[in-house]
Amino acid sequence: MVLKPTKAGLQRAAQLLRSGAVLAFPTDTVYGLGASADDEVAQKRIYQIKGRPVGLPLILMVAAESQLEGLVHVDSRAEAMMRKWWPGPLTLILYATGGGTLGVRIPKHRVALDLLRHAGPLMTTSANLHGREPAMTAEEAGALSGVMAVVDGGNAPGGTASTVLDLTGPEPHVLREGAIPTVEVLGPPPLKSS
């Protein structure tokens, strides 16, 4: 099922997500798969659809920082990164309030943000079979077996996954360089003294 990013289409997408569906939608990087952040059964379906190893965590995507309250610990380093890069293609790994860690992101894409406003926070990952190139179009994303619907927002503009920055250690550490180069996120490496 292909849904247009109209008010009616996004309301339908939100209904489907609340009923346990996995949907595909465009982001500022690539097409993503999403399931309601409150639905662990639907989240497990994402792993099945992708053939993704269960140990690889999903990313929580939200429309506003206020939706993270009570979910993750946001310190001054995280606040600084959020101010500089959000909305945008930077995923932050933070300590979760319930223990462990959680990757979080606000995408810079009108359709993704509108969907998140209608549906609430989503657990997400790129729309592709594990190890394959991410989907860049609604048609590619919708071809994945098990995807209930795809919100067609045209071609994904980025083509590169988000950069993943771990803020849980003593020093910020880039786990995956993506749309934002490491040097832009962390600054240039310190000069070595001779």
N, C-alpha and C. Protein backbone atom coordinates (compact mmCIF):
# COMPACT_ATOMS: atom_id res chain seq x y z
N MET A 1 0.85 -1.18 0.00
CA MET A 1 0.00 0.00 0.00
C MET A 1 0.90 1.24 0.00
N VAL A 2 0.63 2.15 -0.93
CA VAL A 2 1.38 3.40 -1.02
C VAL A 2 0.49 4.52 -0.50
N LEU A 3 1.03 5.29 0.45
CA LEU A 3 0.29 6.41 1.03
C LEU A 3 0.96 7.71 0.62
N LYS A 4 0.14 8.69 0.27
CA LYS A 4 0.67 10.00 -0.05
C LYS A 4 0.91 10.76 1.26
N PRO A 5 1.89 11.69 1.28
CA PRO A 5 2.18 12.42 2.51
C PRO A 5 1.21 13.59 2.75
N THR A 6 -0.08 13.32 2.53
CA THR A 6 -1.12 14.31 2.82
C THR A 6 -1.59 14.09 4.26
N LYS A 7 -2.43 14.97 4.75
CA LYS A 7 -2.95 14.81 6.11
C LYS A 7 -3.66 13.46 6.24
N ALA A 8 -4.51 13.14 5.25
CA ALA A 8 -5.25 11.88 5.29
C ALA A 8 -4.30 10.69 5.21
N GLY A 9 -3.31 10.77 4.35
CA GLY A 9 -2.36 9.67 4.20
C GLY A 9 -1.54 9.45 5.46
N LEU A 10 -1.13 10.55 6.11
CA LEU A 10 -0.34 10.44 7.34
C LEU A 10 -1.19 9.94 8.50
N GLN A 11 -2.46 10.34 8.52
CA GLN A 11 -3.36 9.82 9.56
C GLN A 11 -3.54 8.32 9.39
N ARG A 12 -3.66 7.87 8.15
CA ARG A 12 -3.79 6.44 7.88
C ARG A 12 -2.51 5.70 8.29
N ALA A 13 -1.36 6.30 7.98
CA ALA A 13 -0.09 5.70 8.36
C ALA A 13 0.00 5.57 9.88
N ALA A 14 -0.42 6.61 10.60
CA ALA A 14 -0.39 6.58 12.06
C ALA A 14 -1.31 5.48 12.60
N GLN A 15 -2.49 5.32 11.98
CA GLN A 15 -3.42 4.25 12.40
C GLN A 15 -2.76 2.89 12.23
N LEU A 16 -2.12 2.69 11.07
CA LEU A 16 -1.46 1.42 10.80
C LEU A 16 -0.35 1.14 11.81
N LEU A 17 0.44 2.16 12.12
CA LEU A 17 1.52 2.00 13.09
C LEU A 17 0.97 1.65 14.47
N ARG A 18 -0.12 2.30 14.85
CA ARG A 18 -0.73 2.02 16.16
C ARG A 18 -1.33 0.61 16.21
N SER A 19 -1.66 0.05 15.04
CA SER A 19 -2.23 -1.30 15.00
C SER A 19 -1.15 -2.37 14.85
N GLY A 20 0.12 -1.97 14.90
CA GLY A 20 1.20 -2.95 14.88
C GLY A 20 1.91 -3.14 13.56
N ALA A 21 1.64 -2.27 12.59
CA ALA A 21 2.26 -2.41 11.28
C ALA A 21 3.69 -1.86 11.27
N VAL A 22 4.48 -2.36 10.33
CA VAL A 22 5.79 -1.77 10.01
C VAL A 22 5.62 -1.00 8.72
N LEU A 23 6.02 0.27 8.73
CA LEU A 23 5.89 1.14 7.56
C LEU A 23 7.26 1.59 7.08
N ALA A 24 7.33 1.94 5.81
CA ALA A 24 8.53 2.58 5.25
C ALA A 24 8.20 4.04 4.98
N PHE A 25 9.21 4.90 5.17
CA PHE A 25 9.00 6.34 4.98
C PHE A 25 10.34 7.01 4.65
N PRO A 26 10.28 8.16 3.99
CA PRO A 26 11.53 8.84 3.63
C PRO A 26 12.09 9.63 4.81
N THR A 27 13.41 9.74 4.85
CA THR A 27 14.06 10.60 5.82
C THR A 27 15.03 11.51 5.07
N ASP A 28 15.79 12.29 5.81
CA ASP A 28 16.78 13.18 5.19
C ASP A 28 18.00 12.43 4.70
N THR A 29 18.06 11.13 4.96
CA THR A 29 19.20 10.34 4.49
C THR A 29 18.73 9.28 3.48
N VAL A 30 18.02 8.27 3.95
CA VAL A 30 17.52 7.18 3.10
C VAL A 30 16.08 6.87 3.53
N TYR A 31 15.44 5.92 2.86
CA TYR A 31 14.13 5.46 3.34
C TYR A 31 14.35 4.60 4.57
N GLY A 32 13.45 4.73 5.53
CA GLY A 32 13.56 3.97 6.76
C GLY A 32 12.37 3.06 6.97
N LEU A 33 12.56 2.09 7.86
CA LEU A 33 11.46 1.26 8.35
C LEU A 33 11.14 1.75 9.75
N GLY A 34 9.85 1.83 10.07
CA GLY A 34 9.46 2.29 11.39
C GLY A 34 8.36 1.46 11.99
N ALA A 35 8.42 1.32 13.31
CA ALA A 35 7.37 0.68 14.10
C ALA A 35 7.15 1.54 15.33
N SER A 36 5.97 1.50 15.88
CA SER A 36 5.68 2.29 17.07
C SER A 36 6.68 2.00 18.17
N ALA A 37 7.14 3.06 18.83
CA ALA A 37 8.10 2.90 19.93
C ALA A 37 7.50 2.14 21.10
N ASP A 38 6.16 2.03 21.13
CA ASP A 38 5.48 1.33 22.21
C ASP A 38 5.15 -0.13 21.88
N ASP A 39 5.53 -0.59 20.70
CA ASP A 39 5.10 -1.91 20.22
C ASP A 39 6.30 -2.82 19.96
N GLU A 40 6.66 -3.62 20.96
CA GLU A 40 7.84 -4.48 20.82
C GLU A 40 7.63 -5.59 19.78
N VAL A 41 6.39 -6.04 19.62
CA VAL A 41 6.11 -7.08 18.63
C VAL A 41 6.37 -6.53 17.22
N ALA A 42 5.91 -5.32 16.96
CA ALA A 42 6.14 -4.71 15.65
C ALA A 42 7.63 -4.46 15.42
N GLN A 43 8.32 -4.07 16.48
CA GLN A 43 9.77 -3.85 16.36
C GLN A 43 10.49 -5.14 15.98
N LYS A 44 10.04 -6.27 16.53
CA LYS A 44 10.64 -7.56 16.18
C LYS A 44 10.41 -7.87 14.70
N ARG A 45 9.26 -7.40 14.18
CA ARG A 45 8.98 -7.61 12.75
C ARG A 45 10.01 -6.91 11.87
N ILE A 46 10.50 -5.75 12.32
CA ILE A 46 11.53 -5.04 11.55
C ILE A 46 12.75 -5.95 11.36
N TYR A 47 13.16 -6.61 12.44
CA TYR A 47 14.32 -7.51 12.35
C TYR A 47 14.05 -8.64 11.36
N GLN A 48 12.83 -9.16 11.36
CA GLN A 48 12.48 -10.24 10.44
C GLN A 48 12.49 -9.74 8.99
N ILE A 49 11.91 -8.56 8.77
CA ILE A 49 11.85 -8.00 7.42
C ILE A 49 13.25 -7.80 6.85
N LYS A 50 14.14 -7.28 7.68
CA LYS A 50 15.50 -6.97 7.22
C LYS A 50 16.43 -8.17 7.22
N GLY A 51 16.11 -9.21 8.02
CA GLY A 51 17.08 -10.26 8.26
C GLY A 51 18.23 -9.70 9.09
N ARG A 52 17.89 -8.81 10.03
CA ARG A 52 18.88 -8.08 10.82
C ARG A 52 19.21 -8.85 12.09
N PRO A 53 20.50 -8.97 12.43
CA PRO A 53 20.85 -9.62 13.70
C PRO A 53 20.20 -8.91 14.88
N VAL A 54 19.64 -9.67 15.81
CA VAL A 54 18.89 -9.10 16.92
C VAL A 54 19.75 -8.22 17.81
N GLY A 55 21.04 -8.45 17.85
CA GLY A 55 21.91 -7.64 18.70
C GLY A 55 22.11 -6.21 18.22
N LEU A 56 21.75 -5.92 16.98
CA LEU A 56 21.92 -4.56 16.45
C LEU A 56 20.70 -3.73 16.82
N PRO A 57 20.86 -2.68 17.63
CA PRO A 57 19.70 -1.92 18.10
C PRO A 57 19.07 -1.04 17.03
N LEU A 58 17.79 -0.77 17.22
CA LEU A 58 17.07 0.18 16.38
C LEU A 58 17.29 1.59 16.95
N ILE A 59 16.93 2.59 16.16
CA ILE A 59 17.10 4.00 16.56
C ILE A 59 15.72 4.60 16.83
N LEU A 60 15.62 5.35 17.91
CA LEU A 60 14.39 6.05 18.23
C LEU A 60 14.37 7.37 17.48
N MET A 61 13.36 7.56 16.64
CA MET A 61 13.21 8.80 15.88
C MET A 61 12.03 9.57 16.47
N VAL A 62 12.25 10.85 16.73
CA VAL A 62 11.22 11.70 17.31
C VAL A 62 11.09 12.98 16.49
N ALA A 63 9.98 13.71 16.72
CA ALA A 63 9.75 14.96 16.01
C ALA A 63 10.27 16.16 16.80
N ALA A 64 10.46 15.99 18.12
CA ALA A 64 10.89 17.10 18.97
C ALA A 64 11.66 16.55 20.17
N GLU A 65 12.61 17.35 20.67
CA GLU A 65 13.41 16.93 21.81
C GLU A 65 12.54 16.63 23.03
N SER A 66 11.41 17.31 23.15
CA SER A 66 10.54 17.09 24.31
C SER A 66 10.04 15.65 24.39
N GLN A 67 10.00 14.94 23.24
CA GLN A 67 9.55 13.55 23.23
C GLN A 67 10.59 12.60 23.84
N LEU A 68 11.79 13.11 24.12
CA LEU A 68 12.83 12.27 24.72
C LEU A 68 12.79 12.30 26.24
N GLU A 69 11.98 13.21 26.80
CA GLU A 69 11.92 13.34 28.26
C GLU A 69 11.51 12.02 28.90
N GLY A 70 12.28 11.62 29.90
CA GLY A 70 11.99 10.38 30.60
C GLY A 70 12.52 9.14 29.91
N LEU A 71 13.08 9.29 28.70
CA LEU A 71 13.58 8.13 27.96
C LEU A 71 15.10 8.03 27.99
N VAL A 72 15.77 9.18 27.90
CA VAL A 72 17.24 9.20 27.89
C VAL A 72 17.75 10.31 28.78
N HIS A 73 19.01 10.16 29.19
CA HIS A 73 19.68 11.19 29.99
C HIS A 73 20.37 12.15 29.01
N VAL A 74 19.99 13.42 29.04
CA VAL A 74 20.57 14.42 28.14
C VAL A 74 21.48 15.32 28.97
N ASP A 75 22.80 15.21 28.75
CA ASP A 75 23.74 16.06 29.46
C ASP A 75 24.13 17.25 28.57
N SER A 76 25.07 18.05 29.04
CA SER A 76 25.44 19.27 28.31
C SER A 76 26.07 18.95 26.95
N ARG A 77 26.81 17.84 26.86
CA ARG A 77 27.40 17.46 25.56
C ARG A 77 26.30 17.13 24.56
N ALA A 78 25.31 16.35 25.02
CA ALA A 78 24.20 15.98 24.14
C ALA A 78 23.41 17.22 23.72
N GLU A 79 23.15 18.11 24.68
CA GLU A 79 22.43 19.35 24.35
C GLU A 79 23.15 20.15 23.28
N ALA A 80 24.47 20.24 23.39
CA ALA A 80 25.26 21.00 22.41
C ALA A 80 25.15 20.36 21.02
N MET A 81 25.22 19.04 20.95
CA MET A 81 25.10 18.35 19.65
C MET A 81 23.70 18.51 19.08
N MET A 82 22.69 18.42 19.93
CA MET A 82 21.31 18.60 19.47
C MET A 82 21.11 20.00 18.91
N ARG A 83 21.63 20.99 19.60
CA ARG A 83 21.47 22.38 19.13
C ARG A 83 22.15 22.58 17.78
N LYS A 84 23.32 21.97 17.62
CA LYS A 84 24.09 22.17 16.39
C LYS A 84 23.55 21.38 15.21
N TRP A 85 23.13 20.13 15.44
CA TRP A 85 22.87 19.23 14.32
C TRP A 85 21.42 18.81 14.13
N TRP A 86 20.55 19.07 15.08
CA TRP A 86 19.16 18.63 14.93
C TRP A 86 18.26 19.77 14.54
N PRO A 87 17.24 19.52 13.72
CA PRO A 87 17.04 18.24 13.01
C PRO A 87 18.14 18.02 11.98
N GLY A 88 18.50 16.76 11.80
CA GLY A 88 19.56 16.45 10.85
C GLY A 88 20.03 15.02 10.96
N PRO A 89 21.03 14.65 10.14
CA PRO A 89 21.47 13.25 10.03
C PRO A 89 22.50 12.83 11.06
N LEU A 90 22.25 13.18 12.34
CA LEU A 90 23.15 12.75 13.42
C LEU A 90 22.34 11.97 14.44
N THR A 91 22.74 10.71 14.65
CA THR A 91 22.14 9.86 15.69
C THR A 91 23.04 9.93 16.91
N LEU A 92 22.45 10.21 18.07
CA LEU A 92 23.20 10.27 19.32
C LEU A 92 22.91 9.03 20.15
N ILE A 93 23.96 8.37 20.63
CA ILE A 93 23.80 7.25 21.55
C ILE A 93 23.91 7.82 22.96
N LEU A 94 22.81 7.68 23.73
CA LEU A 94 22.73 8.22 25.08
C LEU A 94 22.35 7.12 26.05
N TYR A 95 22.58 7.37 27.33
CA TYR A 95 22.11 6.42 28.34
C TYR A 95 20.59 6.49 28.42
N ALA A 96 19.95 5.33 28.39
CA ALA A 96 18.50 5.25 28.54
C ALA A 96 18.15 5.27 30.02
N THR A 97 17.03 5.87 30.35
CA THR A 97 16.63 5.97 31.76
C THR A 97 16.34 4.60 32.36
N GLY A 98 15.93 3.65 31.55
CA GLY A 98 15.63 2.31 32.05
C GLY A 98 16.84 1.39 32.08
N GLY A 99 18.01 1.94 31.79
CA GLY A 99 19.23 1.13 31.72
C GLY A 99 19.65 0.90 30.28
N GLY A 100 20.91 0.66 30.06
CA GLY A 100 21.42 0.46 28.71
C GLY A 100 21.55 1.79 27.97
N THR A 101 21.61 1.69 26.67
CA THR A 101 21.76 2.89 25.84
C THR A 101 20.68 2.90 24.77
N LEU A 102 20.50 4.07 24.16
CA LEU A 102 19.49 4.23 23.11
C LEU A 102 19.98 5.26 22.11
N GLY A 103 19.89 4.92 20.83
CA GLY A 103 20.21 5.86 19.77
C GLY A 103 18.97 6.70 19.46
N VAL A 104 19.14 8.01 19.35
CA VAL A 104 18.02 8.92 19.13
C VAL A 104 18.35 9.92 18.02
N ARG A 105 17.29 10.36 17.31
CA ARG A 105 17.52 11.29 16.20
C ARG A 105 16.24 12.03 15.85
N ILE A 106 16.38 13.27 15.40
CA ILE A 106 15.30 14.04 14.78
C ILE A 106 15.70 14.27 13.33
N PRO A 107 14.96 13.70 12.38
CA PRO A 107 15.34 13.86 10.97
C PRO A 107 14.96 15.24 10.43
N LYS A 108 15.71 15.69 9.44
CA LYS A 108 15.42 16.97 8.79
C LYS A 108 14.73 16.68 7.45
N HIS A 109 13.48 16.22 7.56
CA HIS A 109 12.71 15.89 6.36
C HIS A 109 11.24 16.13 6.69
N ARG A 110 10.58 16.93 5.88
CA ARG A 110 9.21 17.34 6.18
C ARG A 110 8.27 16.14 6.33
N VAL A 111 8.35 15.18 5.43
CA VAL A 111 7.44 14.02 5.48
C VAL A 111 7.71 13.19 6.73
N ALA A 112 8.98 12.94 7.04
CA ALA A 112 9.31 12.17 8.24
C ALA A 112 8.81 12.88 9.50
N LEU A 113 9.03 14.19 9.58
CA LEU A 113 8.59 14.94 10.75
C LEU A 113 7.06 14.95 10.86
N ASP A 114 6.39 15.12 9.73
CA ASP A 114 4.92 15.09 9.75
C ASP A 114 4.41 13.73 10.21
N LEU A 115 5.04 12.66 9.74
CA LEU A 115 4.65 11.31 10.16
C LEU A 115 4.86 11.14 11.67
N LEU A 116 6.01 11.59 12.17
CA LEU A 116 6.31 11.47 13.60
C LEU A 116 5.34 12.29 14.45
N ARG A 117 4.90 13.43 13.92
CA ARG A 117 3.92 14.24 14.67
C ARG A 117 2.57 13.52 14.74
N HIS A 118 2.21 12.82 13.67
CA HIS A 118 0.93 12.09 13.66
C HIS A 118 1.01 10.79 14.46
N ALA A 119 2.13 10.07 14.33
CA ALA A 119 2.22 8.72 14.87
C ALA A 119 2.92 8.64 16.22
N GLY A 120 3.68 9.67 16.58
CA GLY A 120 4.49 9.60 17.79
C GLY A 120 5.84 8.98 17.49
N PRO A 121 6.69 8.83 18.50
CA PRO A 121 8.03 8.29 18.30
C PRO A 121 8.02 6.89 17.67
N LEU A 122 9.01 6.67 16.80
CA LEU A 122 9.12 5.38 16.10
C LEU A 122 10.50 4.79 16.33
N MET A 123 10.55 3.48 16.44
CA MET A 123 11.82 2.76 16.41
C MET A 123 12.10 2.48 14.94
N THR A 124 13.31 2.82 14.49
CA THR A 124 13.58 2.83 13.06
C THR A 124 14.93 2.20 12.72
N THR A 125 15.07 1.93 11.43
CA THR A 125 16.33 1.53 10.82
C THR A 125 16.17 1.76 9.32
N SER A 126 17.24 1.62 8.58
CA SER A 126 17.13 1.84 7.14
C SER A 126 16.29 0.74 6.49
N ALA A 127 15.64 1.10 5.39
CA ALA A 127 14.78 0.17 4.66
C ALA A 127 15.64 -0.60 3.64
N ASN A 128 16.04 -1.79 4.04
CA ASN A 128 16.84 -2.65 3.17
C ASN A 128 17.02 -3.99 3.85
N LEU A 129 17.41 -4.98 3.07
CA LEU A 129 17.84 -6.24 3.66
C LEU A 129 19.20 -6.01 4.31
N HIS A 130 19.45 -6.65 5.43
CA HIS A 130 20.69 -6.44 6.17
C HIS A 130 21.90 -6.65 5.26
N GLY A 131 22.79 -5.66 5.26
CA GLY A 131 24.01 -5.75 4.46
C GLY A 131 23.87 -5.23 3.04
N ARG A 132 22.65 -4.91 2.63
CA ARG A 132 22.41 -4.38 1.27
C ARG A 132 22.31 -2.86 1.31
N GLU A 133 22.31 -2.24 0.14
CA GLU A 133 22.18 -0.79 0.06
C GLU A 133 20.79 -0.35 0.51
N PRO A 134 20.70 0.76 1.25
CA PRO A 134 19.39 1.24 1.70
C PRO A 134 18.52 1.70 0.53
N ALA A 135 17.22 1.59 0.72
CA ALA A 135 16.26 2.04 -0.30
C ALA A 135 16.31 3.56 -0.42
N MET A 136 16.25 4.03 -1.64
CA MET A 136 16.26 5.48 -1.90
C MET A 136 14.92 5.98 -2.44
N THR A 137 14.04 5.03 -2.78
CA THR A 137 12.73 5.40 -3.32
C THR A 137 11.64 4.63 -2.59
N ALA A 138 10.42 5.13 -2.72
CA ALA A 138 9.28 4.44 -2.12
C ALA A 138 9.11 3.06 -2.73
N GLU A 139 9.36 2.95 -4.02
CA GLU A 139 9.20 1.65 -4.70
C GLU A 139 10.18 0.62 -4.13
N GLU A 140 11.44 1.02 -3.95
CA GLU A 140 12.43 0.10 -3.39
C GLU A 140 12.06 -0.30 -1.96
N ALA A 141 11.64 0.67 -1.16
CA ALA A 141 11.29 0.39 0.23
C ALA A 141 10.06 -0.50 0.33
N GLY A 142 9.07 -0.24 -0.53
CA GLY A 142 7.84 -1.01 -0.51
C GLY A 142 7.99 -2.43 -1.01
N ALA A 143 9.12 -2.71 -1.69
CA ALA A 143 9.35 -4.05 -2.22
C ALA A 143 9.80 -5.03 -1.13
N LEU A 144 10.13 -4.52 0.05
CA LEU A 144 10.54 -5.41 1.14
C LEU A 144 9.34 -6.19 1.65
N SER A 145 9.46 -7.49 1.70
CA SER A 145 8.37 -8.34 2.15
C SER A 145 8.08 -8.09 3.62
N GLY A 146 6.82 -7.82 3.95
CA GLY A 146 6.44 -7.58 5.33
C GLY A 146 6.16 -6.14 5.65
N VAL A 147 6.52 -5.23 4.74
CA VAL A 147 6.22 -3.81 4.93
C VAL A 147 4.75 -3.59 4.58
N MET A 148 3.96 -3.13 5.55
CA MET A 148 2.51 -2.97 5.36
C MET A 148 2.18 -1.83 4.39
N ALA A 149 2.93 -0.72 4.50
CA ALA A 149 2.68 0.44 3.65
C ALA A 149 3.94 1.27 3.56
N VAL A 150 4.00 2.10 2.54
CA VAL A 150 5.11 3.03 2.38
C VAL A 150 4.54 4.43 2.15
N VAL A 151 5.06 5.39 2.88
CA VAL A 151 4.70 6.79 2.67
C VAL A 151 5.63 7.31 1.58
N ASP A 152 5.06 7.70 0.45
CA ASP A 152 5.85 8.10 -0.72
C ASP A 152 6.18 9.58 -0.64
N GLY A 153 7.42 9.86 -0.30
CA GLY A 153 7.88 11.25 -0.25
C GLY A 153 8.87 11.56 -1.35
N GLY A 154 8.81 10.79 -2.45
CA GLY A 154 9.78 10.99 -3.52
C GLY A 154 11.11 10.36 -3.16
N ASN A 155 12.14 10.67 -3.93
CA ASN A 155 13.46 10.11 -3.68
C ASN A 155 14.03 10.65 -2.38
N ALA A 156 14.69 9.79 -1.62
CA ALA A 156 15.38 10.24 -0.41
C ALA A 156 16.53 11.15 -0.85
N PRO A 157 16.70 12.30 -0.21
CA PRO A 157 17.67 13.27 -0.69
C PRO A 157 19.12 12.99 -0.31
N GLY A 158 19.34 12.18 0.75
CA GLY A 158 20.70 12.05 1.27
C GLY A 158 21.54 11.00 0.59
N GLY A 159 21.10 9.76 0.67
CA GLY A 159 21.85 8.67 0.07
C GLY A 159 22.86 8.02 0.99
N THR A 160 23.15 8.67 2.11
CA THR A 160 24.08 8.13 3.09
C THR A 160 23.39 8.10 4.44
N ALA A 161 23.57 7.03 5.18
CA ALA A 161 22.93 6.90 6.49
C ALA A 161 23.44 7.98 7.44
N SER A 162 22.75 8.13 8.57
CA SER A 162 23.14 9.13 9.56
C SER A 162 24.48 8.76 10.19
N THR A 163 25.19 9.78 10.63
CA THR A 163 26.40 9.58 11.43
C THR A 163 25.95 9.21 12.84
N VAL A 164 26.60 8.23 13.45
CA VAL A 164 26.23 7.77 14.80
C VAL A 164 27.34 8.18 15.77
N LEU A 165 26.96 9.00 16.75
CA LEU A 165 27.90 9.52 17.74
C LEU A 165 27.56 8.98 19.12
N ASP A 166 28.49 8.27 19.72
CA ASP A 166 28.29 7.69 21.06
C ASP A 166 28.75 8.70 22.10
N LEU A 167 27.82 9.12 22.95
CA LEU A 167 28.13 10.08 24.01
C LEU A 167 28.10 9.43 25.39
N THR A 168 28.22 8.10 25.45
CA THR A 168 28.13 7.42 26.74
C THR A 168 29.49 7.23 27.39
N GLY A 169 30.56 7.48 26.68
CA GLY A 169 31.90 7.31 27.25
C GLY A 169 32.48 8.64 27.71
N PRO A 170 33.71 8.62 28.22
CA PRO A 170 34.34 9.85 28.68
C PRO A 170 34.57 10.84 27.53
N GLU A 171 34.80 10.32 26.33
CA GLU A 171 35.00 11.16 25.14
C GLU A 171 33.99 10.78 24.07
N PRO A 172 33.44 11.76 23.34
CA PRO A 172 32.54 11.44 22.22
C PRO A 172 33.27 10.56 21.20
N HIS A 173 32.55 9.59 20.65
CA HIS A 173 33.17 8.64 19.73
C HIS A 173 32.22 8.36 18.58
N VAL A 174 32.68 8.55 17.35
CA VAL A 174 31.86 8.25 16.17
C VAL A 174 31.88 6.75 15.92
N LEU A 175 30.71 6.11 16.02
CA LEU A 175 30.60 4.67 15.76
C LEU A 175 30.44 4.39 14.28
N ARG A 176 29.79 5.32 13.57
CA ARG A 176 29.61 5.15 12.11
C ARG A 176 29.64 6.53 11.48
N GLU A 177 30.58 6.70 10.57
CA GLU A 177 30.59 7.96 9.82
C GLU A 177 29.54 7.85 8.73
N GLY A 178 28.71 8.85 8.64
CA GLY A 178 27.64 8.84 7.64
C GLY A 178 27.56 10.18 6.94
N ALA A 179 26.38 10.76 6.95
CA ALA A 179 26.13 11.99 6.20
C ALA A 179 26.95 13.18 6.69
N ILE A 180 27.31 13.18 7.97
CA ILE A 180 28.15 14.26 8.51
C ILE A 180 29.53 13.68 8.78
N PRO A 181 30.58 14.23 8.16
CA PRO A 181 31.93 13.70 8.39
C PRO A 181 32.35 13.82 9.86
N THR A 182 33.13 12.86 10.32
CA THR A 182 33.61 12.85 11.70
C THR A 182 34.27 14.16 12.08
N VAL A 183 35.08 14.71 11.18
CA VAL A 183 35.81 15.94 11.50
C VAL A 183 34.84 17.10 11.75
N GLU A 184 33.67 17.09 11.11
CA GLU A 184 32.69 18.15 11.35
C GLU A 184 31.99 17.96 12.69
N VAL A 185 31.76 16.71 13.07
CA VAL A 185 31.08 16.42 14.34
C VAL A 185 32.01 16.68 15.52
N LEU A 186 33.22 16.16 15.45
CA LEU A 186 34.15 16.22 16.59
C LEU A 186 35.19 17.31 16.48
N GLY A 187 35.32 17.93 15.30
CA GLY A 187 36.40 18.90 15.10
C GLY A 187 37.66 18.17 14.68
N PRO A 188 38.67 18.92 14.27
CA PRO A 188 39.92 18.28 13.83
C PRO A 188 40.64 17.62 15.00
N PRO A 189 41.38 16.55 14.72
CA PRO A 189 42.12 15.89 15.80
C PRO A 189 43.17 16.84 16.35
N PRO A 190 43.52 16.67 17.64
CA PRO A 190 44.54 17.56 18.22
C PRO A 190 45.88 17.34 17.54
N LEU A 191 46.65 18.42 17.45
CA LEU A 191 47.99 18.33 16.86
C LEU A 191 48.89 17.56 17.82
N LYS A 192 49.72 16.67 17.23
CA LYS A 192 50.66 15.91 18.05
C LYS A 192 51.88 16.76 18.33
N SER A 193 52.30 16.76 19.56
CA SER A 193 53.50 17.53 19.88
C SER A 193 54.73 16.72 19.47
N SER A 194 55.74 17.43 18.99
CA SER A 194 56.93 16.73 18.50
C SER A 194 57.96 16.58 19.59
